[in-house]
Amino acid sequence: MWFTYLLLCKDKSIYTGITNNLEQRFSHHRRGKGGHYTRSHKAAELLYAEQFKTKSEALKREAQIKGWRREKKLNLVKFGKPIL
């Protein structure tokens, strides 16, 4: 099982990533051990996550979301159906 997720960073930016262990990955981001971006933009909150059967599906969704403007990402958080 794979996840595409959105994090709110302390500077109010939104980070999008994928993982096969959501809790562990978020913990890594919070401790500054996650992706390069979140080392300098400190993760504050897990906003949203979607579950997929394959890594390929999660990567495709991540690429799609990364191409969106901030407003559209926030609408996904607001109106989407998170798994959490």
PDB file of N, CA and C in Angstrom:
ATOM      1  N   MET A   1       0.844  -1.169   0.000  1.00  0.00           N
ATOM      2  CA  MET A   1       0.000   0.000   0.000  1.00  0.00           C
ATOM      3  C   MET A   1       0.899   1.245   0.000  1.00  0.00           C
ATOM      4  N   TRP A   2       0.558   2.210  -0.833  1.00  0.00           N
ATOM      5  CA  TRP A   2       1.313   3.454  -0.979  1.00  0.00           C
ATOM      6  C   TRP A   2       0.390   4.641  -0.747  1.00  0.00           C
ATOM      7  N   PHE A   3       0.994   5.747  -0.367  1.00  0.00           N
ATOM      8  CA  PHE A   3       0.243   6.966  -0.071  1.00  0.00           C
ATOM      9  C   PHE A   3       0.863   8.152  -0.800  1.00  0.00           C
ATOM     10  N   THR A   4       0.005   9.039  -1.284  1.00  0.00           N
ATOM     11  CA  THR A   4       0.409  10.372  -1.711  1.00  0.00           C
ATOM     12  C   THR A   4      -0.130  11.299  -0.624  1.00  0.00           C
ATOM     13  N   TYR A   5       0.710  12.209  -0.140  1.00  0.00           N
ATOM     14  CA  TYR A   5       0.318  13.026   1.011  1.00  0.00           C
ATOM     15  C   TYR A   5       0.726  14.477   0.827  1.00  0.00           C
ATOM     16  N   LEU A   6       0.048  15.336   1.555  1.00  0.00           N
ATOM     17  CA  LEU A   6       0.359  16.761   1.577  1.00  0.00           C
ATOM     18  C   LEU A   6       0.659  17.170   3.010  1.00  0.00           C
ATOM     19  N   LEU A   7       1.738  17.909   3.177  1.00  0.00           N
ATOM     20  CA  LEU A   7       2.120  18.446   4.479  1.00  0.00           C
ATOM     21  C   LEU A   7       2.044  19.962   4.449  1.00  0.00           C
ATOM     22  N   LEU A   8       1.614  20.547   5.536  1.00  0.00           N
ATOM     23  CA  LEU A   8       1.715  21.987   5.714  1.00  0.00           C
ATOM     24  C   LEU A   8       3.011  22.239   6.466  1.00  0.00           C
ATOM     25  N   CYS A   9       3.834  23.110   5.922  1.00  0.00           N
ATOM     26  CA  CYS A   9       5.100  23.446   6.569  1.00  0.00           C
ATOM     27  C   CYS A   9       4.917  24.685   7.444  1.00  0.00           C
ATOM     28  N   LYS A  10       5.864  24.911   8.344  1.00  0.00           N
ATOM     29  CA  LYS A  10       5.752  26.031   9.282  1.00  0.00           C
ATOM     30  C   LYS A  10       5.734  27.385   8.584  1.00  0.00           C
ATOM     31  N   ASP A  11       6.303  27.459   7.374  1.00  0.00           N
ATOM     32  CA  ASP A  11       6.269  28.711   6.614  1.00  0.00           C
ATOM     33  C   ASP A  11       5.009  28.819   5.744  1.00  0.00           C
ATOM     34  N   LYS A  12       4.052  27.906   5.967  1.00  0.00           N
ATOM     35  CA  LYS A  12       2.753  27.854   5.281  1.00  0.00           C
ATOM     36  C   LYS A  12       2.839  27.306   3.856  1.00  0.00           C
ATOM     37  N   SER A  13       3.991  26.828   3.426  1.00  0.00           N
ATOM     38  CA  SER A  13       4.094  26.171   2.131  1.00  0.00           C
ATOM     39  C   SER A  13       3.524  24.759   2.249  1.00  0.00           C
ATOM     40  N   ILE A  14       3.218  24.156   1.099  1.00  0.00           N
ATOM     41  CA  ILE A  14       2.647  22.809   1.076  1.00  0.00           C
ATOM     42  C   ILE A  14       3.617  21.882   0.350  1.00  0.00           C
ATOM     43  N   TYR A  15       3.960  20.788   1.007  1.00  0.00           N
ATOM     44  CA  TYR A  15       4.852  19.774   0.459  1.00  0.00           C
ATOM     45  C   TYR A  15       4.026  18.562   0.056  1.00  0.00           C
ATOM     46  N   THR A  16       4.305  18.003  -1.117  1.00  0.00           N
ATOM     47  CA  THR A  16       3.625  16.801  -1.599  1.00  0.00           C
ATOM     48  C   THR A  16       4.652  15.693  -1.771  1.00  0.00           C
ATOM     49  N   GLY A  17       4.332  14.500  -1.260  1.00  0.00           N
ATOM     50  CA  GLY A  17       5.254  13.376  -1.372  1.00  0.00           C
ATOM     51  C   GLY A  17       4.524  12.050  -1.414  1.00  0.00           C
ATOM     52  N   ILE A  18       5.310  10.964  -1.509  1.00  0.00           N
ATOM     53  CA  ILE A  18       4.743   9.619  -1.453  1.00  0.00           C
ATOM     54  C   ILE A  18       5.512   8.793  -0.434  1.00  0.00           C
ATOM     55  N   THR A  19       4.861   7.742   0.058  1.00  0.00           N
ATOM     56  CA  THR A  19       5.498   6.827   1.006  1.00  0.00           C
ATOM     57  C   THR A  19       4.694   5.540   1.085  1.00  0.00           C
ATOM     58  N   ASN A  20       5.325   4.516   1.636  1.00  0.00           N
ATOM     59  CA  ASN A  20       4.588   3.287   1.919  1.00  0.00           C
ATOM     60  C   ASN A  20       4.368   3.120   3.425  1.00  0.00           C
ATOM     61  N   ASN A  21       4.801   4.114   4.216  1.00  0.00           N
ATOM     62  CA  ASN A  21       4.584   4.109   5.661  1.00  0.00           C
ATOM     63  C   ASN A  21       4.340   5.560   6.093  1.00  0.00           C
ATOM     64  N   LEU A  22       3.096   5.954   6.110  1.00  0.00           N
ATOM     65  CA  LEU A  22       2.720   7.349   6.324  1.00  0.00           C
ATOM     66  C   LEU A  22       3.153   7.880   7.688  1.00  0.00           C
ATOM     67  N   GLU A  23       2.887   7.137   8.738  1.00  0.00           N
ATOM     68  CA  GLU A  23       3.244   7.600  10.081  1.00  0.00           C
ATOM     69  C   GLU A  23       4.747   7.781  10.233  1.00  0.00           C
ATOM     70  N   GLN A  24       5.513   6.810   9.757  1.00  0.00           N
ATOM     71  CA  GLN A  24       6.970   6.890   9.870  1.00  0.00           C
ATOM     72  C   GLN A  24       7.532   8.050   9.042  1.00  0.00           C
ATOM     73  N   ARG A  25       7.000   8.220   7.840  1.00  0.00           N
ATOM     74  CA  ARG A  25       7.498   9.290   6.967  1.00  0.00           C
ATOM     75  C   ARG A  25       7.205  10.666   7.562  1.00  0.00           C
ATOM     76  N   PHE A  26       6.005  10.845   8.104  1.00  0.00           N
ATOM     77  CA  PHE A  26       5.677  12.122   8.723  1.00  0.00           C
ATOM     78  C   PHE A  26       6.593  12.376   9.914  1.00  0.00           C
ATOM     79  N   SER A  27       6.860  11.354  10.690  1.00  0.00           N
ATOM     80  CA  SER A  27       7.777  11.476  11.822  1.00  0.00           C
ATOM     81  C   SER A  27       9.166  11.910  11.346  1.00  0.00           C
ATOM     82  N   HIS A  28       9.628  11.325  10.251  1.00  0.00           N
ATOM     83  CA  HIS A  28      10.930  11.718   9.690  1.00  0.00           C
ATOM     84  C   HIS A  28      10.924  13.185   9.274  1.00  0.00           C
ATOM     85  N   HIS A  29       9.852  13.606   8.615  1.00  0.00           N
ATOM     86  CA  HIS A  29       9.754  15.012   8.207  1.00  0.00           C
ATOM     87  C   HIS A  29       9.790  15.927   9.431  1.00  0.00           C
ATOM     88  N   ARG A  30       9.059  15.580  10.468  1.00  0.00           N
ATOM     89  CA  ARG A  30       8.999  16.421  11.677  1.00  0.00           C
ATOM     90  C   ARG A  30      10.361  16.555  12.353  1.00  0.00           C
ATOM     91  N   ARG A  31      11.175  15.508  12.260  1.00  0.00           N
ATOM     92  CA  ARG A  31      12.502  15.520  12.890  1.00  0.00           C
ATOM     93  C   ARG A  31      13.582  16.063  11.966  1.00  0.00           C
ATOM     94  N   GLY A  32      13.198  16.517  10.764  1.00  0.00           N
ATOM     95  CA  GLY A  32      14.175  17.053   9.823  1.00  0.00           C
ATOM     96  C   GLY A  32      14.947  15.982   9.084  1.00  0.00           C
ATOM     97  N   LYS A  33      14.444  14.754   9.087  1.00  0.00           N
ATOM     98  CA  LYS A  33      15.124  13.637   8.430  1.00  0.00           C
ATOM     99  C   LYS A  33      14.402  13.209   7.152  1.00  0.00           C
ATOM    100  N   GLY A  34      13.362  13.938   6.779  1.00  0.00           N
ATOM    101  CA  GLY A  34      12.585  13.597   5.584  1.00  0.00           C
ATOM    102  C   GLY A  34      13.246  14.147   4.342  1.00  0.00           C
ATOM    103  N   GLY A  35      12.459  14.632   3.419  1.00  0.00           N
ATOM    104  CA  GLY A  35      12.978  15.174   2.173  1.00  0.00           C
ATOM    105  C   GLY A  35      13.777  16.452   2.364  1.00  0.00           C
ATOM    106  N   HIS A  36      14.559  16.781   1.363  1.00  0.00           N
ATOM    107  CA  HIS A  36      15.399  17.980   1.406  1.00  0.00           C
ATOM    108  C   HIS A  36      14.562  19.234   1.673  1.00  0.00           C
ATOM    109  N   TYR A  37      13.420  19.332   1.030  1.00  0.00           N
ATOM    110  CA  TYR A  37      12.571  20.517   1.182  1.00  0.00           C
ATOM    111  C   TYR A  37      12.140  20.707   2.633  1.00  0.00           C
ATOM    112  N   THR A  38      11.695  19.645   3.270  1.00  0.00           N
ATOM    113  CA  THR A  38      11.180  19.785   4.636  1.00  0.00           C
ATOM    114  C   THR A  38      12.284  19.944   5.676  1.00  0.00           C
ATOM    115  N   ARG A  39      13.520  19.744   5.297  1.00  0.00           N
ATOM    116  CA  ARG A  39      14.617  20.045   6.232  1.00  0.00           C
ATOM    117  C   ARG A  39      14.726  21.549   6.447  1.00  0.00           C
ATOM    118  N   SER A  40      14.453  22.308   5.390  1.00  0.00           N
ATOM    119  CA  SER A  40      14.557  23.760   5.506  1.00  0.00           C
ATOM    120  C   SER A  40      13.209  24.457   5.687  1.00  0.00           C
ATOM    121  N   HIS A  41      12.121  23.740   5.447  1.00  0.00           N
ATOM    122  CA  HIS A  41      10.782  24.319   5.567  1.00  0.00           C
ATOM    123  C   HIS A  41       9.949  23.630   6.643  1.00  0.00           C
ATOM    124  N   LYS A  42      10.545  23.004   7.570  1.00  0.00           N
ATOM    125  CA  LYS A  42       9.955  22.330   8.746  1.00  0.00           C
ATOM    126  C   LYS A  42       8.483  21.937   8.631  1.00  0.00           C
ATOM    127  N   ALA A  43       8.230  20.648   8.575  1.00  0.00           N
ATOM    128  CA  ALA A  43       6.862  20.122   8.498  1.00  0.00           C
ATOM    129  C   ALA A  43       6.113  20.394   9.793  1.00  0.00           C
ATOM    130  N   ALA A  44       4.884  20.861   9.673  1.00  0.00           N
ATOM    131  CA  ALA A  44       4.070  21.181  10.845  1.00  0.00           C
ATOM    132  C   ALA A  44       2.877  20.252  11.000  1.00  0.00           C
ATOM    133  N   GLU A  45       2.235  19.901   9.868  1.00  0.00           N
ATOM    134  CA  GLU A  45       0.968  19.172   9.967  1.00  0.00           C
ATOM    135  C   GLU A  45       0.739  18.329   8.717  1.00  0.00           C
ATOM    136  N   LEU A  46       0.243  17.123   8.915  1.00  0.00           N
ATOM    137  CA  LEU A  46      -0.185  16.290   7.801  1.00  0.00           C
ATOM    138  C   LEU A  46      -1.588  16.751   7.424  1.00  0.00           C
ATOM    139  N   LEU A  47      -1.724  17.276   6.201  1.00  0.00           N
ATOM    140  CA  LEU A  47      -2.999  17.837   5.758  1.00  0.00           C
ATOM    141  C   LEU A  47      -3.922  16.814   5.108  1.00  0.00           C
ATOM    142  N   TYR A  48      -3.342  15.900   4.346  1.00  0.00           N
ATOM    143  CA  TYR A  48      -4.164  15.060   3.490  1.00  0.00           C
ATOM    144  C   TYR A  48      -3.355  13.858   3.031  1.00  0.00           C
ATOM    145  N   ALA A  49      -4.023  12.736   2.809  1.00  0.00           N
ATOM    146  CA  ALA A  49      -3.368  11.555   2.241  1.00  0.00           C
ATOM    147  C   ALA A  49      -4.368  10.736   1.442  1.00  0.00           C
ATOM    148  N   GLU A  50      -3.881  10.144   0.372  1.00  0.00           N
ATOM    149  CA  GLU A  50      -4.663   9.222  -0.443  1.00  0.00           C
ATOM    150  C   GLU A  50      -3.905   7.909  -0.514  1.00  0.00           C
ATOM    151  N   GLN A  51      -4.620   6.810  -0.532  1.00  0.00           N
ATOM    152  CA  GLN A  51      -4.025   5.479  -0.546  1.00  0.00           C
ATOM    153  C   GLN A  51      -4.094   4.876  -1.944  1.00  0.00           C
ATOM    154  N   PHE A  52      -3.015   4.173  -2.341  1.00  0.00           N
ATOM    155  CA  PHE A  52      -2.937   3.522  -3.650  1.00  0.00           C
ATOM    156  C   PHE A  52      -2.380   2.115  -3.496  1.00  0.00           C
ATOM    157  N   LYS A  53      -2.695   1.270  -4.454  1.00  0.00           N
ATOM    158  CA  LYS A  53      -2.209  -0.115  -4.419  1.00  0.00           C
ATOM    159  C   LYS A  53      -0.753  -0.225  -4.846  1.00  0.00           C
ATOM    160  N   THR A  54      -0.322   0.660  -5.752  1.00  0.00           N
ATOM    161  CA  THR A  54       1.041   0.556  -6.274  1.00  0.00           C
ATOM    162  C   THR A  54       1.806   1.878  -6.128  1.00  0.00           C
ATOM    163  N   LYS A  55       3.111   1.756  -6.135  1.00  0.00           N
ATOM    164  CA  LYS A  55       3.971   2.937  -6.082  1.00  0.00           C
ATOM    165  C   LYS A  55       3.773   3.791  -7.332  1.00  0.00           C
ATOM    166  N   SER A  56       3.583   3.133  -8.460  1.00  0.00           N
ATOM    167  CA  SER A  56       3.377   3.846  -9.719  1.00  0.00           C
ATOM    168  C   SER A  56       2.150   4.755  -9.656  1.00  0.00           C
ATOM    169  N   GLU A  57       1.051   4.251  -9.101  1.00  0.00           N
ATOM    170  CA  GLU A  57      -0.163   5.054  -8.969  1.00  0.00           C
ATOM    171  C   GLU A  57       0.078   6.263  -8.062  1.00  0.00           C
ATOM    172  N   ALA A  58       0.786   6.037  -6.955  1.00  0.00           N
ATOM    173  CA  ALA A  58       1.077   7.125  -6.017  1.00  0.00           C
ATOM    174  C   ALA A  58       1.970   8.180  -6.669  1.00  0.00           C
ATOM    175  N   LEU A  59       2.958   7.738  -7.442  1.00  0.00           N
ATOM    176  CA  LEU A  59       3.853   8.672  -8.128  1.00  0.00           C
ATOM    177  C   LEU A  59       3.106   9.512  -9.164  1.00  0.00           C
ATOM    178  N   LYS A  60       2.183   8.890  -9.879  1.00  0.00           N
ATOM    179  CA  LYS A  60       1.390   9.626 -10.871  1.00  0.00           C
ATOM    180  C   LYS A  60       0.537  10.697 -10.194  1.00  0.00           C
ATOM    181  N   ARG A  61      -0.073  10.341  -9.082  1.00  0.00           N
ATOM    182  CA  ARG A  61      -0.908  11.309  -8.354  1.00  0.00           C
ATOM    183  C   ARG A  61      -0.048  12.426  -7.778  1.00  0.00           C
ATOM    184  N   GLU A  62       1.128  12.079  -7.252  1.00  0.00           N
ATOM    185  CA  GLU A  62       2.041  13.093  -6.721  1.00  0.00           C
ATOM    186  C   GLU A  62       2.407  14.092  -7.810  1.00  0.00           C
ATOM    187  N   ALA A  63       2.758  13.600  -8.989  1.00  0.00           N
ATOM    188  CA  ALA A  63       3.133  14.481 -10.096  1.00  0.00           C
ATOM    189  C   ALA A  63       1.969  15.389 -10.484  1.00  0.00           C
ATOM    190  N   GLN A  64       0.768  14.828 -10.500  1.00  0.00           N
ATOM    191  CA  GLN A  64      -0.417  15.621 -10.828  1.00  0.00           C
ATOM    192  C   GLN A  64      -0.600  16.748  -9.819  1.00  0.00           C
ATOM    193  N   ILE A  65      -0.561  16.414  -8.540  1.00  0.00           N
ATOM    194  CA  ILE A  65      -0.793  17.410  -7.487  1.00  0.00           C
ATOM    195  C   ILE A  65       0.313  18.460  -7.468  1.00  0.00           C
ATOM    196  N   LYS A  66       1.553  18.046  -7.680  1.00  0.00           N
ATOM    197  CA  LYS A  66       2.661  19.010  -7.681  1.00  0.00           C
ATOM    198  C   LYS A  66       2.507  20.056  -8.777  1.00  0.00           C
ATOM    199  N   GLY A  67       1.765  19.720  -9.835  1.00  0.00           N
ATOM    200  CA  GLY A  67       1.526  20.672 -10.917  1.00  0.00           C
ATOM    201  C   GLY A  67       0.426  21.675 -10.623  1.00  0.00           C
ATOM    202  N   TRP A  68      -0.268  21.491  -9.517  1.00  0.00           N
ATOM    203  CA  TRP A  68      -1.376  22.369  -9.155  1.00  0.00           C
ATOM    204  C   TRP A  68      -0.903  23.606  -8.422  1.00  0.00           C
ATOM    205  N   ARG A  69      -1.701  24.658  -8.503  1.00  0.00           N
ATOM    206  CA  ARG A  69      -1.465  25.861  -7.707  1.00  0.00           C
ATOM    207  C   ARG A  69      -1.916  25.591  -6.281  1.00  0.00           C
ATOM    208  N   ARG A  70      -1.460  26.405  -5.383  1.00  0.00           N
ATOM    209  CA  ARG A  70      -1.769  26.264  -3.949  1.00  0.00           C
ATOM    210  C   ARG A  70      -3.276  26.178  -3.686  1.00  0.00           C
ATOM    211  N   GLU A  71      -4.052  27.037  -4.352  1.00  0.00           N
ATOM    212  CA  GLU A  71      -5.502  27.064  -4.124  1.00  0.00           C
ATOM    213  C   GLU A  71      -6.147  25.711  -4.419  1.00  0.00           C
ATOM    214  N   LYS A  72      -5.724  25.080  -5.489  1.00  0.00           N
ATOM    215  CA  LYS A  72      -6.300  23.790  -5.863  1.00  0.00           C
ATOM    216  C   LYS A  72      -5.908  22.716  -4.846  1.00  0.00           C
ATOM    217  N   LYS A  73      -4.690  22.779  -4.330  1.00  0.00           N
ATOM    218  CA  LYS A  73      -4.256  21.833  -3.300  1.00  0.00           C
ATOM    219  C   LYS A  73      -5.095  22.012  -2.030  1.00  0.00           C
ATOM    220  N   LEU A  74      -5.347  23.249  -1.668  1.00  0.00           N
ATOM    221  CA  LEU A  74      -6.159  23.512  -0.474  1.00  0.00           C
ATOM    222  C   LEU A  74      -7.604  23.058  -0.673  1.00  0.00           C
ATOM    223  N   ASN A  75      -8.113  23.171  -1.894  1.00  0.00           N
ATOM    224  CA  ASN A  75      -9.450  22.656  -2.177  1.00  0.00           C
ATOM    225  C   ASN A  75      -9.496  21.138  -2.054  1.00  0.00           C
ATOM    226  N   LEU A  76      -8.437  20.466  -2.452  1.00  0.00           N
ATOM    227  CA  LEU A  76      -8.362  19.020  -2.282  1.00  0.00           C
ATOM    228  C   LEU A  76      -8.442  18.673  -0.802  1.00  0.00           C
ATOM    229  N   VAL A  77      -7.696  19.388   0.014  1.00  0.00           N
ATOM    230  CA  VAL A  77      -7.709  19.168   1.463  1.00  0.00           C
ATOM    231  C   VAL A  77      -9.104  19.414   2.025  1.00  0.00           C
ATOM    232  N   LYS A  78      -9.723  20.484   1.564  1.00  0.00           N
ATOM    233  CA  LYS A  78     -11.034  20.877   2.094  1.00  0.00           C
ATOM    234  C   LYS A  78     -12.166  19.970   1.633  1.00  0.00           C
ATOM    235  N   PHE A  79     -12.162  19.609   0.353  1.00  0.00           N
ATOM    236  CA  PHE A  79     -13.290  18.895  -0.226  1.00  0.00           C
ATOM    237  C   PHE A  79     -13.014  17.433  -0.554  1.00  0.00           C
ATOM    238  N   GLY A  80     -11.731  17.033  -0.506  1.00  0.00           N
ATOM    239  CA  GLY A  80     -11.383  15.649  -0.804  1.00  0.00           C
ATOM    240  C   GLY A  80     -11.812  14.736   0.333  1.00  0.00           C
ATOM    241  N   LYS A  81     -11.562  13.473   0.170  1.00  0.00           N
ATOM    242  CA  LYS A  81     -11.925  12.499   1.187  1.00  0.00           C
ATOM    243  C   LYS A  81     -10.652  11.850   1.721  1.00  0.00           C
ATOM    244  N   PRO A  82     -10.019  12.464   2.707  1.00  0.00           N
ATOM    245  CA  PRO A  82      -8.777  11.901   3.243  1.00  0.00           C
ATOM    246  C   PRO A  82      -9.028  10.558   3.912  1.00  0.00           C
ATOM    247  N   ILE A  83      -7.982   9.743   3.942  1.00  0.00           N
ATOM    248  CA  ILE A  83      -8.122   8.424   4.561  1.00  0.00           C
ATOM    249  C   ILE A  83      -7.941   8.480   6.056  1.00  0.00           C
ATOM    250  N   LEU A  84      -7.467   9.601   6.550  1.00  0.00           N
ATOM    251  CA  LEU A  84      -7.180   9.692   7.993  1.00  0.00           C
ATOM    252  C   LEU A  84      -8.368  10.173   8.778  1.00  0.00           C
TER     253      LEU A  84
END
